[in-house]
Amino acid sequence: MRAVRKCLVSLSALALTAGAALAQEGGSTRALEDALAAGYKASFTCSALFNAGQTPTEIRQNELSGIYPDYQRSFDKLPDAVIDAGRKTVSVTYSDSMPPRIAAWRPGFGCTQLPIGADVGALNFLPRFAAWPDFSGEDRGSAIGSNVKVQLRIEEAERLEAPVSFAFDERSYGDGTRTSAVVVVKDGQVVAERYARGIDHETPQRTWSVAKSITATILGAARRNGHIDLDYPAVIADWNNGADPRREITLRDLLQMASGLDSGDTGSRTDRIYFGGGRVMDQAASKVMEAEPGTRFKYSNNDTLIAMRSFRESLGADDSYHRFPYEKLLHKIGAVHTTLEVDWNGDFISSSQVWSTARDLARIGQLYLQDGMWGNERLLPEGWAEFVSTPGPAQPKSGPGYGAQFWLMTDAEGIPAGTYYMAGNRGQYVVIVPSMNAVIVRRGYDVIGGARFDINGFTRDVLLALQAAEDVRAGEAAERARIEAEIEATIEARRARSDRAKNAIRAEILEKYGLDE
């Protein structure tokens, strides 16, 4: 095991630490389930309304249907959410003896839940930006990447029509799956794009765990700017006490889902943060170690949350921390419709609570295809794309491989080697295909616990369409080159010397093949 710094600690201090850890685990009661269900309704209504501009009908159809089955009973008995458009708050009553669950929106921070038991007076304690830029320009251009030579790509558009249409039929790639957006990018240019269910090119959706890959990208920018080191112990003040072995966990361990920390039976459920208004520090960073760091893969929201919290502590300035993802990364690549939401303590809940458009996610994927470059500026360290797409030392026991907050499409037949992807609940996917210089984005509102969208099959069909278009274009180029060679050979055979004679031969042969200049 890694060397742990030797220190003395009293038994009473150890007992206090153990007691605090156990207290955080708690249990589940009907009162808590009701509070969490109300928090779910308040936060999703708030974000969908104020981040995304969805109508109440769209919110009911998209955000508030197909939810976690274990909350459905409590959810069904909740009253309608109360919206205060002036204060930009949403509240949901769930108890006669407790305040309603409240979520509040602020520019740049999106919607933040107040903790269970807090009333409107707590709104005064939420973080705010002094100023936030207004992004009013419409995102309609076809260039997603930087330094893109825009071309008319009719062949790709025609061949992609079938798989993209099938993605929306709720059958071809999973019975009952509900696709809301598809964007396909080739060579930095949008070649297919379609939306449904009240979504358009400027409508953000919750990314769910695609946010983990966004977190890795932000931390890559932080590494580029000299703020963090992958192999230095994570900067968490609460871990740097006494005999605490967690002080040896590195950012690399966290990004590769190999912290060794307890995260329950399923590390993908952190409901007391997501729906309970809990603080990241109280929930994610309070867990005990159960395996040696770097030796065991366990998918965990907490690892992502702690990695981002570590960045906050290493930076030391909250305003700089809150502005960093936007000023040093997202806005530089044009991802101006992406919002990272925070807990009431100001920590990014960036394992899931990021709202982004399909186009903005395509831009992040394109940044990786460009090895972290945007125009003439390097935003991510050289080799960061290789780092996130390389299998970590500890891997899942089955299914796809895992890099650093990115999944590896290693279990999909017919997919080019080196393909990796972002994945999130309810069918959020961003597939990065370096060998084809392509990004494939699929967003959805798939029912939690229902059929999963077949991202492997969809990716394979999209790539086949792109390859077919490429083959046609290559064949046309080869045919044109052959004709040009015939023209040159004919000019030489007839010993044409004047421009008039050469042009006549050229026109004659082009006409033979039904071509013109």
Protein backbone atom coordinates (compact mmCIF):
# COMPACT_ATOMS: atom_id res chain seq x y z
CA MET A 1 0.00 0.00 0.00
CA ARG A 2 1.16 3.53 -0.64
CA ALA A 3 3.12 5.08 2.16
CA VAL A 4 0.88 6.89 4.61
CA ARG A 5 2.45 9.69 6.58
CA LYS A 6 3.07 8.56 10.14
CA CYS A 7 1.25 10.51 12.82
CA LEU A 8 -0.27 10.09 16.24
CA VAL A 9 -3.99 10.39 16.79
CA SER A 10 -6.06 9.88 19.92
CA LEU A 11 -8.61 7.10 20.13
CA SER A 12 -11.26 9.67 20.92
CA ALA A 13 -10.56 11.51 17.66
CA LEU A 14 -10.81 8.25 15.73
CA ALA A 15 -14.11 7.48 17.40
CA LEU A 16 -15.48 10.89 16.47
CA THR A 17 -14.42 10.40 12.83
CA ALA A 18 -16.00 6.96 12.67
CA GLY A 19 -19.20 8.22 14.28
CA ALA A 20 -19.50 11.08 11.79
CA ALA A 21 -19.02 8.71 8.86
CA LEU A 22 -21.69 6.34 10.12
CA ALA A 23 -24.08 9.21 10.77
CA GLN A 24 -23.83 10.27 7.15
CA GLU A 25 -25.08 6.91 5.94
CA GLY A 26 -28.45 7.16 7.63
CA GLY A 27 -31.44 5.19 6.45
CA SER A 28 -34.51 5.73 4.34
CA THR A 29 -37.85 6.84 5.76
CA ARG A 30 -41.13 7.81 4.13
CA ALA A 31 -40.55 11.42 5.21
CA LEU A 32 -37.14 11.46 3.51
CA GLU A 33 -38.49 9.83 0.36
CA ASP A 34 -41.24 12.45 0.18
CA ALA A 35 -38.68 15.23 0.63
CA LEU A 36 -36.42 13.81 -2.06
CA ALA A 37 -39.31 13.41 -4.50
CA ALA A 38 -40.31 17.02 -3.88
CA GLY A 39 -36.70 18.10 -4.39
CA TYR A 40 -36.63 16.20 -7.68
CA LYS A 41 -39.76 18.00 -8.87
CA ALA A 42 -38.60 21.43 -7.70
CA SER A 43 -35.09 21.21 -9.15
CA PHE A 44 -36.02 19.69 -12.51
CA THR A 45 -38.89 22.12 -12.98
CA CYS A 46 -36.63 25.03 -12.07
CA SER A 47 -33.78 24.00 -14.39
CA ALA A 48 -36.02 23.07 -17.31
CA LEU A 49 -37.91 26.36 -17.01
CA PHE A 50 -35.13 28.86 -16.35
CA ASN A 51 -32.15 27.12 -18.01
CA ALA A 52 -33.99 25.63 -20.98
CA GLY A 53 -37.16 27.68 -21.41
CA GLN A 54 -39.42 24.63 -21.60
CA THR A 55 -43.16 25.07 -21.17
CA PRO A 56 -45.04 23.42 -18.27
CA THR A 57 -46.38 20.79 -20.69
CA GLU A 58 -42.91 20.04 -22.04
CA ILE A 59 -41.53 19.82 -18.51
CA ARG A 60 -44.17 17.27 -17.56
CA GLN A 61 -43.53 15.22 -20.71
CA ASN A 62 -39.75 15.42 -20.68
CA GLU A 63 -38.33 16.02 -17.23
CA LEU A 64 -41.00 14.71 -14.86
CA SER A 65 -41.86 11.44 -16.62
CA GLY A 66 -39.79 8.27 -16.63
CA ILE A 67 -38.19 9.16 -13.28
CA TYR A 68 -36.62 6.84 -10.69
CA PRO A 69 -39.27 4.17 -9.94
CA ASP A 70 -38.55 4.24 -6.20
CA TYR A 71 -39.75 7.86 -6.01
CA GLN A 72 -42.82 7.43 -8.18
CA ARG A 73 -45.27 6.80 -5.32
CA SER A 74 -44.17 9.90 -3.40
CA PHE A 75 -43.93 11.88 -6.63
CA ASP A 76 -47.49 11.10 -7.72
CA LYS A 77 -49.07 12.63 -4.63
CA LEU A 78 -47.16 15.92 -4.83
CA PRO A 79 -49.08 19.09 -5.71
CA ASP A 80 -48.15 21.25 -8.67
CA ALA A 81 -44.94 23.19 -8.33
CA VAL A 82 -45.32 26.87 -7.40
CA ILE A 83 -43.30 29.12 -9.72
CA ASP A 84 -42.20 32.60 -8.70
CA ALA A 85 -41.11 34.12 -12.01
CA GLY A 86 -39.88 37.30 -10.33
CA ARG A 87 -37.53 35.62 -7.88
CA LYS A 88 -36.95 32.71 -10.29
CA THR A 89 -37.75 30.09 -7.70
CA VAL A 90 -39.75 26.88 -7.75
CA SER A 91 -41.21 25.38 -4.58
CA VAL A 92 -42.99 22.08 -3.98
CA THR A 93 -44.97 21.37 -0.81
CA TYR A 94 -44.68 17.82 0.55
CA SER A 95 -45.35 18.06 4.29
CA ASP A 96 -47.68 19.87 6.70
CA SER A 97 -44.88 20.38 9.20
CA MET A 98 -41.86 21.18 6.99
CA PRO A 99 -41.10 24.03 4.59
CA PRO A 100 -41.55 23.25 0.90
CA ARG A 101 -38.58 22.11 -1.13
CA ILE A 102 -37.18 25.16 -2.95
CA ALA A 103 -34.91 25.53 -5.98
CA ALA A 104 -33.64 28.94 -7.06
CA TRP A 105 -32.08 30.07 -10.36
CA ARG A 106 -29.23 32.58 -10.77
CA PRO A 107 -27.34 33.50 -13.97
CA GLY A 108 -24.31 31.27 -14.49
CA PHE A 109 -25.25 28.98 -11.59
CA GLY A 110 -28.53 27.59 -12.86
CA CYS A 111 -30.85 26.16 -10.21
CA THR A 112 -29.69 25.32 -6.71
CA GLN A 113 -31.74 23.38 -4.18
CA LEU A 114 -32.02 24.60 -0.65
CA PRO A 115 -31.47 21.82 1.88
CA ILE A 116 -34.41 19.96 3.36
CA GLY A 117 -35.94 22.13 6.06
CA ALA A 118 -34.72 25.48 4.70
CA ASP A 119 -37.20 28.24 3.93
CA VAL A 120 -37.03 31.21 1.53
CA GLY A 121 -34.82 33.15 3.93
CA ALA A 122 -31.94 30.86 2.98
CA LEU A 123 -31.99 32.22 -0.60
CA ASN A 124 -29.85 35.14 0.61
CA PHE A 125 -26.93 32.79 1.23
CA LEU A 126 -26.70 31.38 -2.31
CA PRO A 127 -23.65 32.32 -4.42
CA ARG A 128 -24.13 34.86 -7.18
CA PHE A 129 -22.04 36.41 -9.93
CA ALA A 130 -21.67 40.17 -9.82
CA ALA A 131 -22.30 40.22 -13.58
CA TRP A 132 -23.05 37.64 -16.26
CA PRO A 133 -22.74 38.17 -20.03
CA ASP A 134 -25.85 38.08 -22.19
CA PHE A 135 -25.61 35.53 -25.00
CA SER A 136 -28.19 36.57 -27.56
CA GLY A 137 -26.62 35.36 -30.83
CA GLU A 138 -28.33 32.40 -32.46
CA ASP A 139 -26.35 29.16 -32.68
CA ARG A 140 -27.11 28.17 -36.27
CA GLY A 141 -23.77 27.89 -38.07
CA SER A 142 -22.67 24.50 -39.35
CA ALA A 143 -19.06 24.83 -38.13
CA ILE A 144 -18.69 23.27 -34.68
CA GLY A 145 -14.90 22.96 -34.62
CA SER A 146 -12.20 25.57 -35.12
CA ASN A 147 -10.34 26.22 -38.40
CA VAL A 148 -13.09 24.39 -40.29
CA LYS A 149 -13.30 24.54 -44.07
CA VAL A 150 -17.07 24.50 -44.58
CA GLN A 151 -18.17 22.30 -47.47
CA LEU A 152 -21.49 21.29 -48.99
CA ARG A 153 -21.92 17.72 -47.78
CA ILE A 154 -25.06 16.53 -49.52
CA GLU A 155 -23.82 12.95 -49.71
CA GLU A 156 -23.47 12.69 -45.92
CA ALA A 157 -26.82 14.37 -45.31
CA GLU A 158 -28.63 11.95 -47.62
CA ARG A 159 -26.99 8.82 -46.22
CA LEU A 160 -27.50 9.89 -42.59
CA GLU A 161 -31.20 10.49 -43.10
CA ALA A 162 -32.08 6.84 -42.38
CA PRO A 163 -30.19 6.22 -39.11
CA VAL A 164 -31.02 9.65 -37.73
CA SER A 165 -34.72 9.19 -38.51
CA PHE A 166 -34.69 5.69 -37.01
CA ALA A 167 -33.22 7.13 -33.80
CA PHE A 168 -36.50 8.97 -33.25
CA ASP A 169 -38.94 6.15 -34.04
CA GLU A 170 -38.76 4.70 -30.49
CA ARG A 171 -38.18 1.19 -31.86
CA SER A 172 -35.09 0.75 -34.03
CA TYR A 173 -32.50 1.43 -31.32
CA GLY A 174 -34.51 0.37 -28.29
CA ASP A 175 -38.22 -0.23 -27.79
CA GLY A 176 -39.70 2.81 -26.06
CA THR A 177 -36.54 4.92 -26.12
CA ARG A 178 -37.23 8.62 -26.50
CA THR A 179 -34.68 10.56 -28.52
CA SER A 180 -34.74 14.34 -28.17
CA ALA A 181 -31.69 15.37 -30.22
CA VAL A 182 -29.10 14.03 -32.64
CA VAL A 183 -26.12 15.95 -33.96
CA VAL A 184 -23.46 14.38 -36.18
CA VAL A 185 -20.23 16.26 -36.83
CA LYS A 186 -17.68 15.33 -39.50
CA ASP A 187 -14.39 17.23 -39.88
CA GLY A 188 -15.70 19.90 -37.52
CA GLN A 189 -18.89 20.51 -39.49
CA VAL A 190 -22.48 19.54 -38.69
CA VAL A 191 -23.66 17.03 -41.29
CA ALA A 192 -26.88 15.88 -39.57
CA GLU A 193 -29.08 17.49 -36.93
CA ARG A 194 -32.59 16.77 -35.68
CA TYR A 195 -34.69 17.56 -32.60
CA ALA A 196 -37.96 16.48 -31.00
CA ARG A 197 -40.09 16.85 -27.89
CA GLY A 198 -39.95 20.63 -27.57
CA ILE A 199 -36.16 20.72 -27.95
CA ASP A 200 -34.21 22.77 -30.46
CA HIS A 201 -30.60 23.75 -31.17
CA GLU A 202 -30.51 26.19 -28.24
CA THR A 203 -32.39 24.11 -25.66
CA PRO A 204 -30.16 22.80 -22.89
CA GLN A 205 -30.94 19.43 -21.32
CA ARG A 206 -29.56 17.89 -18.17
CA THR A 207 -26.45 15.96 -19.16
CA TRP A 208 -26.64 13.52 -16.27
CA SER A 209 -23.30 11.66 -16.17
CA VAL A 210 -22.02 13.17 -19.39
CA ALA A 211 -21.16 15.90 -16.88
CA LYS A 212 -18.38 13.66 -15.60
CA SER A 213 -16.60 13.96 -18.94
CA ILE A 214 -17.16 17.71 -18.87
CA THR A 215 -15.57 17.73 -15.41
CA ALA A 216 -12.52 15.90 -16.77
CA THR A 217 -12.31 18.51 -19.53
CA ILE A 218 -12.47 21.39 -17.03
CA LEU A 219 -9.78 19.74 -14.94
CA GLY A 220 -7.72 19.30 -18.08
CA ALA A 221 -7.94 23.07 -18.58
CA ALA A 222 -6.98 23.50 -14.93
CA ARG A 223 -3.94 21.29 -15.51
CA ARG A 224 -3.07 23.34 -18.60
CA ASN A 225 -3.18 26.47 -16.44
CA GLY A 226 -0.97 24.93 -13.75
CA HIS A 227 -3.61 24.67 -11.02
CA ILE A 228 -3.59 20.90 -10.45
CA ASP A 229 -1.37 17.84 -10.76
CA LEU A 230 -2.77 14.41 -11.55
CA ASP A 231 -0.41 12.49 -9.27
CA TYR A 232 -0.42 14.83 -6.30
CA PRO A 233 -2.78 13.89 -3.46
CA ALA A 234 -6.21 15.47 -3.88
CA VAL A 235 -6.41 18.74 -1.97
CA ILE A 236 -9.21 18.02 0.50
CA ALA A 237 -8.62 19.75 3.84
CA ASP A 238 -10.88 17.38 5.78
CA TRP A 239 -8.71 14.44 4.68
CA ASN A 240 -5.45 15.99 5.81
CA ASN A 241 -5.92 15.18 9.47
CA GLY A 242 -4.39 12.62 11.80
CA ALA A 243 -4.28 9.07 10.52
CA ASP A 244 -6.68 9.62 7.63
CA PRO A 245 -5.43 7.41 4.74
CA ARG A 246 -7.59 9.27 2.21
CA ARG A 247 -4.90 11.93 2.00
CA GLU A 248 -3.04 9.58 -0.40
CA ILE A 249 -5.84 9.53 -3.01
CA THR A 250 -4.75 11.36 -6.15
CA LEU A 251 -6.70 13.16 -8.83
CA ARG A 252 -5.69 10.39 -11.23
CA ASP A 253 -7.35 7.86 -8.91
CA LEU A 254 -10.51 9.94 -8.76
CA LEU A 255 -10.73 10.53 -12.51
CA GLN A 256 -10.21 6.83 -13.22
CA MET A 257 -12.94 5.83 -10.73
CA ALA A 258 -10.35 4.11 -8.58
CA SER A 259 -10.40 6.11 -5.34
CA GLY A 260 -11.11 3.04 -3.22
CA LEU A 261 -13.80 4.95 -1.31
CA ASP A 262 -17.11 3.50 -0.19
CA SER A 263 -20.00 4.70 -2.37
CA GLY A 264 -22.69 2.20 -1.41
CA ASP A 265 -24.04 -0.62 -3.53
CA THR A 266 -24.45 1.65 -6.54
CA GLY A 267 -22.13 4.60 -6.83
CA SER A 268 -24.37 6.22 -9.41
CA ARG A 269 -27.03 7.22 -6.85
CA THR A 270 -26.20 10.30 -4.81
CA ASP A 271 -29.80 11.32 -4.22
CA ARG A 272 -29.19 13.35 -1.08
CA ILE A 273 -27.09 15.73 -3.13
CA TYR A 274 -29.04 15.61 -6.38
CA PHE A 275 -32.54 15.80 -4.90
CA GLY A 276 -32.00 16.49 -1.20
CA GLY A 277 -30.08 19.74 -1.37
CA GLY A 278 -27.13 18.21 0.47
CA ARG A 279 -23.65 19.70 0.30
CA VAL A 280 -20.96 17.95 -1.70
CA MET A 281 -18.63 18.15 1.28
CA ASP A 282 -21.12 16.54 3.67
CA GLN A 283 -22.06 13.71 1.33
CA ALA A 284 -19.35 12.94 -1.24
CA ALA A 285 -16.18 13.62 0.73
CA SER A 286 -17.29 11.91 3.95
CA LYS A 287 -16.94 8.29 2.84
CA VAL A 288 -14.43 5.85 4.28
CA MET A 289 -11.83 3.91 2.33
CA GLU A 290 -12.61 0.29 1.49
CA ALA A 291 -9.93 -0.53 -1.13
CA GLU A 292 -6.41 0.58 -1.91
CA PRO A 293 -6.49 3.61 -4.22
CA GLY A 294 -5.73 2.80 -7.84
CA THR A 295 -6.47 -0.93 -7.54
CA ARG A 296 -10.27 -1.21 -7.88
CA PHE A 297 -12.67 0.24 -10.43
CA LYS A 298 -15.98 1.36 -8.97
CA TYR A 299 -18.17 3.80 -10.87
CA SER A 300 -18.98 6.56 -8.41
CA ASN A 301 -20.48 10.01 -8.63
CA ASN A 302 -18.53 10.89 -5.52
CA ASP A 303 -15.15 10.46 -7.22
CA THR A 304 -16.09 13.10 -9.76
CA LEU A 305 -17.50 15.47 -7.15
CA ILE A 306 -14.40 15.15 -4.98
CA ALA A 307 -12.11 15.79 -7.95
CA MET A 308 -13.90 19.07 -8.68
CA ARG A 309 -13.95 19.97 -4.98
CA SER A 310 -10.20 19.36 -4.87
CA PHE A 311 -9.77 21.90 -7.68
CA ARG A 312 -11.75 24.43 -5.66
CA GLU A 313 -9.56 23.93 -2.60
CA SER A 314 -6.34 24.08 -4.59
CA LEU A 315 -7.44 27.29 -6.35
CA GLY A 316 -8.44 28.93 -3.08
CA ALA A 317 -10.56 31.72 -4.63
CA ASP A 318 -14.25 30.96 -5.07
CA ASP A 319 -14.97 33.61 -7.69
CA SER A 320 -12.09 32.33 -9.85
CA TYR A 321 -13.30 28.77 -9.31
CA HIS A 322 -16.83 29.57 -10.41
CA ARG A 323 -15.72 31.53 -13.47
CA PHE A 324 -12.98 29.14 -14.56
CA PRO A 325 -15.09 26.57 -16.51
CA TYR A 326 -16.71 29.34 -18.52
CA GLU A 327 -13.84 31.75 -19.08
CA LYS A 328 -11.05 29.22 -19.64
CA LEU A 329 -12.96 26.57 -21.55
CA LEU A 330 -16.65 26.64 -22.44
CA HIS A 331 -17.03 30.16 -23.76
CA LYS A 332 -13.78 29.90 -25.69
CA ILE A 333 -15.20 27.06 -27.79
CA GLY A 334 -18.61 28.69 -28.19
CA ALA A 335 -20.42 26.50 -25.66
CA VAL A 336 -22.38 29.45 -24.29
CA HIS A 337 -25.61 27.53 -23.63
CA THR A 338 -24.00 25.27 -21.01
CA THR A 339 -24.58 25.83 -17.28
CA LEU A 340 -22.90 24.07 -14.38
CA GLU A 341 -25.19 23.99 -11.36
CA VAL A 342 -23.93 24.17 -7.76
CA ASP A 343 -25.00 23.13 -4.30
CA TRP A 344 -25.92 25.86 -1.83
CA ASN A 345 -22.33 25.86 -0.61
CA GLY A 346 -21.08 26.77 -4.11
CA ASP A 347 -19.60 23.41 -5.14
CA PHE A 348 -20.25 22.33 -8.72
CA ILE A 349 -22.44 19.20 -8.79
CA SER A 350 -20.57 18.29 -11.93
CA SER A 351 -21.14 14.56 -11.82
CA SER A 352 -24.61 15.12 -13.25
CA GLN A 353 -26.09 18.59 -12.81
CA VAL A 354 -24.85 20.29 -15.96
CA TRP A 355 -27.32 21.56 -18.57
CA SER A 356 -26.08 21.75 -22.13
CA THR A 357 -27.26 21.74 -25.74
CA ALA A 358 -26.45 18.96 -28.18
CA ARG A 359 -24.35 21.43 -30.16
CA ASP A 360 -22.35 22.46 -27.11
CA LEU A 361 -21.62 18.82 -26.33
CA ALA A 362 -20.50 18.32 -29.93
CA ARG A 363 -18.08 21.22 -29.46
CA ILE A 364 -16.53 19.52 -26.43
CA GLY A 365 -16.18 16.30 -28.42
CA GLN A 366 -14.59 18.24 -31.27
CA LEU A 367 -12.11 19.82 -28.83
CA TYR A 368 -10.86 16.30 -28.11
CA LEU A 369 -10.55 15.50 -31.81
CA GLN A 370 -8.39 18.62 -32.06
CA ASP A 371 -6.21 17.36 -29.16
CA GLY A 372 -7.23 20.25 -26.94
CA MET A 373 -6.53 22.99 -29.48
CA TRP A 374 -9.08 25.64 -30.45
CA GLY A 375 -7.89 27.81 -33.27
CA ASN A 376 -4.34 28.73 -32.33
CA GLU A 377 -4.90 28.37 -28.58
CA ARG A 378 -4.21 25.26 -26.54
CA LEU A 379 -7.00 24.78 -23.98
CA LEU A 380 -6.14 21.26 -22.79
CA PRO A 381 -2.66 19.87 -22.14
CA GLU A 382 -1.02 18.06 -25.00
CA GLY A 383 -1.96 14.40 -24.65
CA TRP A 384 -5.01 15.00 -22.46
CA ALA A 385 -7.25 13.34 -25.04
CA GLU A 386 -4.98 10.30 -24.91
CA PHE A 387 -5.13 10.29 -21.11
CA VAL A 388 -8.93 10.29 -20.86
CA SER A 389 -9.26 7.63 -23.57
CA THR A 390 -6.61 5.22 -22.25
CA PRO A 391 -7.77 2.34 -20.00
CA GLY A 392 -7.00 2.96 -16.36
CA PRO A 393 -5.11 0.29 -14.38
CA ALA A 394 -8.38 -0.83 -12.73
CA GLN A 395 -11.19 -1.74 -15.15
CA PRO A 396 -14.87 -2.77 -15.00
CA LYS A 397 -15.35 -6.52 -14.74
CA SER A 398 -17.56 -6.56 -17.84
CA GLY A 399 -18.90 -4.29 -20.55
CA PRO A 400 -17.03 -1.33 -22.02
CA GLY A 401 -13.66 -0.20 -20.75
CA TYR A 402 -13.04 3.01 -18.83
CA GLY A 403 -10.49 5.75 -19.21
CA ALA A 404 -10.67 8.92 -17.10
CA GLN A 405 -14.32 10.01 -16.81
CA PHE A 406 -14.85 8.66 -20.36
CA TRP A 407 -16.08 5.24 -21.42
CA LEU A 408 -14.22 3.25 -24.07
CA MET A 409 -16.28 1.64 -26.84
CA THR A 410 -14.33 -1.60 -26.54
CA ASP A 411 -17.35 -3.92 -26.40
CA ALA A 412 -18.92 -2.86 -29.72
CA GLU A 413 -18.40 -4.96 -32.83
CA GLY A 414 -17.60 -3.00 -35.97
CA ILE A 415 -16.58 0.21 -34.18
CA PRO A 416 -13.10 1.57 -35.03
CA ALA A 417 -10.42 1.11 -32.39
CA GLY A 418 -9.81 4.19 -30.27
CA THR A 419 -13.47 5.25 -30.13
CA TYR A 420 -14.50 6.61 -26.73
CA TYR A 421 -17.57 8.32 -25.38
CA MET A 422 -19.42 10.27 -22.72
CA ALA A 423 -22.52 8.59 -21.29
CA GLY A 424 -25.32 9.68 -19.00
CA ASN A 425 -28.62 8.52 -17.58
CA ARG A 426 -31.75 8.58 -19.75
CA GLY A 427 -29.71 8.11 -22.91
CA GLN A 428 -27.18 10.96 -23.09
CA TYR A 429 -24.23 10.09 -25.35
CA VAL A 430 -21.33 11.88 -27.03
CA VAL A 431 -19.23 9.50 -29.12
CA ILE A 432 -15.77 10.59 -30.26
CA VAL A 433 -14.33 8.70 -33.24
CA PRO A 434 -10.75 9.90 -33.92
CA SER A 435 -10.20 7.53 -36.87
CA MET A 436 -13.15 9.12 -38.70
CA ASN A 437 -12.72 12.66 -37.30
CA ALA A 438 -16.35 12.48 -36.21
CA VAL A 439 -18.52 13.26 -33.18
CA ILE A 440 -21.96 11.71 -32.66
CA VAL A 441 -24.33 13.23 -30.09
CA ARG A 442 -27.56 11.57 -29.00
CA ARG A 443 -29.75 13.10 -26.29
CA GLY A 444 -32.82 11.48 -24.82
CA TYR A 445 -35.54 11.17 -22.22
CA ASP A 446 -35.43 7.39 -21.97
CA VAL A 447 -37.40 5.94 -19.06
CA ILE A 448 -35.18 5.20 -16.08
CA GLY A 449 -35.13 1.44 -15.66
CA GLY A 450 -36.59 0.91 -19.14
CA ALA A 451 -34.97 0.06 -22.45
CA ARG A 452 -31.59 1.62 -23.15
CA PHE A 453 -30.80 3.31 -26.40
CA ASP A 454 -28.47 1.11 -28.47
CA ILE A 455 -25.63 3.57 -28.81
CA ASN A 456 -23.31 0.88 -30.21
CA GLY A 457 -25.69 0.06 -33.04
CA PHE A 458 -26.49 3.70 -33.74
CA THR A 459 -22.81 4.62 -33.82
CA ARG A 460 -22.07 1.75 -36.19
CA ASP A 461 -24.89 2.79 -38.57
CA VAL A 462 -23.84 6.46 -38.53
CA LEU A 463 -20.22 5.55 -39.23
CA LEU A 464 -21.25 3.26 -42.08
CA ALA A 465 -23.19 6.15 -43.61
CA LEU A 466 -20.23 8.51 -43.20
CA GLN A 467 -17.87 5.94 -44.69
CA ALA A 468 -20.19 5.35 -47.65
CA ALA A 469 -20.29 9.08 -48.34
CA GLU A 470 -16.51 9.22 -48.07
CA ASP A 471 -16.17 6.29 -50.47
CA VAL A 472 -18.44 7.99 -53.01
CA ARG A 473 -16.47 11.20 -52.75
CA ALA A 474 -13.18 9.32 -53.06
CA GLY A 475 -14.54 7.45 -56.10
CA GLU A 476 -15.63 10.70 -57.71
CA ALA A 477 -12.21 12.22 -57.05
CA ALA A 478 -10.49 9.16 -58.53
CA GLU A 479 -12.74 9.30 -61.61
CA ARG A 480 -12.03 12.99 -62.08
CA ALA A 481 -8.30 12.34 -61.76
CA ARG A 482 -8.57 9.58 -64.39
CA ILE A 483 -10.39 11.93 -66.77
CA GLU A 484 -7.78 14.65 -66.22
CA ALA A 485 -5.09 12.10 -67.03
CA GLU A 486 -6.97 11.15 -70.24
CA ILE A 487 -7.16 14.83 -71.22
CA GLU A 488 -3.42 15.26 -70.73
CA ALA A 489 -2.68 12.06 -72.66
CA THR A 490 -4.92 13.15 -75.56
CA ILE A 491 -3.29 16.58 -75.68
CA GLU A 492 0.10 14.91 -75.88
CA ALA A 493 -1.01 12.33 -78.46
CA ARG A 494 -2.44 15.03 -80.76
CA ARG A 495 0.54 17.28 -80.11
CA ALA A 496 -1.73 20.18 -79.29
CA ARG A 497 0.31 23.22 -78.42
CA SER A 498 -2.01 26.23 -78.50
CA ASP A 499 -4.41 27.01 -75.64
CA ARG A 500 -7.28 26.92 -78.10
CA ALA A 501 -6.44 23.37 -79.15
CA LYS A 502 -5.95 22.22 -75.57
CA ASN A 503 -9.26 23.74 -74.47
CA ALA A 504 -11.07 22.07 -77.38
CA ILE A 505 -9.69 18.67 -76.38
CA ARG A 506 -10.63 19.30 -72.77
CA ALA A 507 -14.23 20.24 -73.69
CA GLU A 508 -14.50 17.19 -75.99
CA ILE A 509 -13.50 14.69 -73.31
CA LEU A 510 -15.54 16.29 -70.54
CA GLU A 511 -18.59 16.18 -72.82
CA LYS A 512 -17.92 12.48 -73.43
CA TYR A 513 -18.39 11.85 -69.71
CA GLY A 514 -21.24 14.31 -69.29
CA LEU A 515 -19.13 16.74 -67.30
CA ASP A 516 -18.31 20.42 -67.49
CA GLU A 517 -15.84 22.66 -65.80
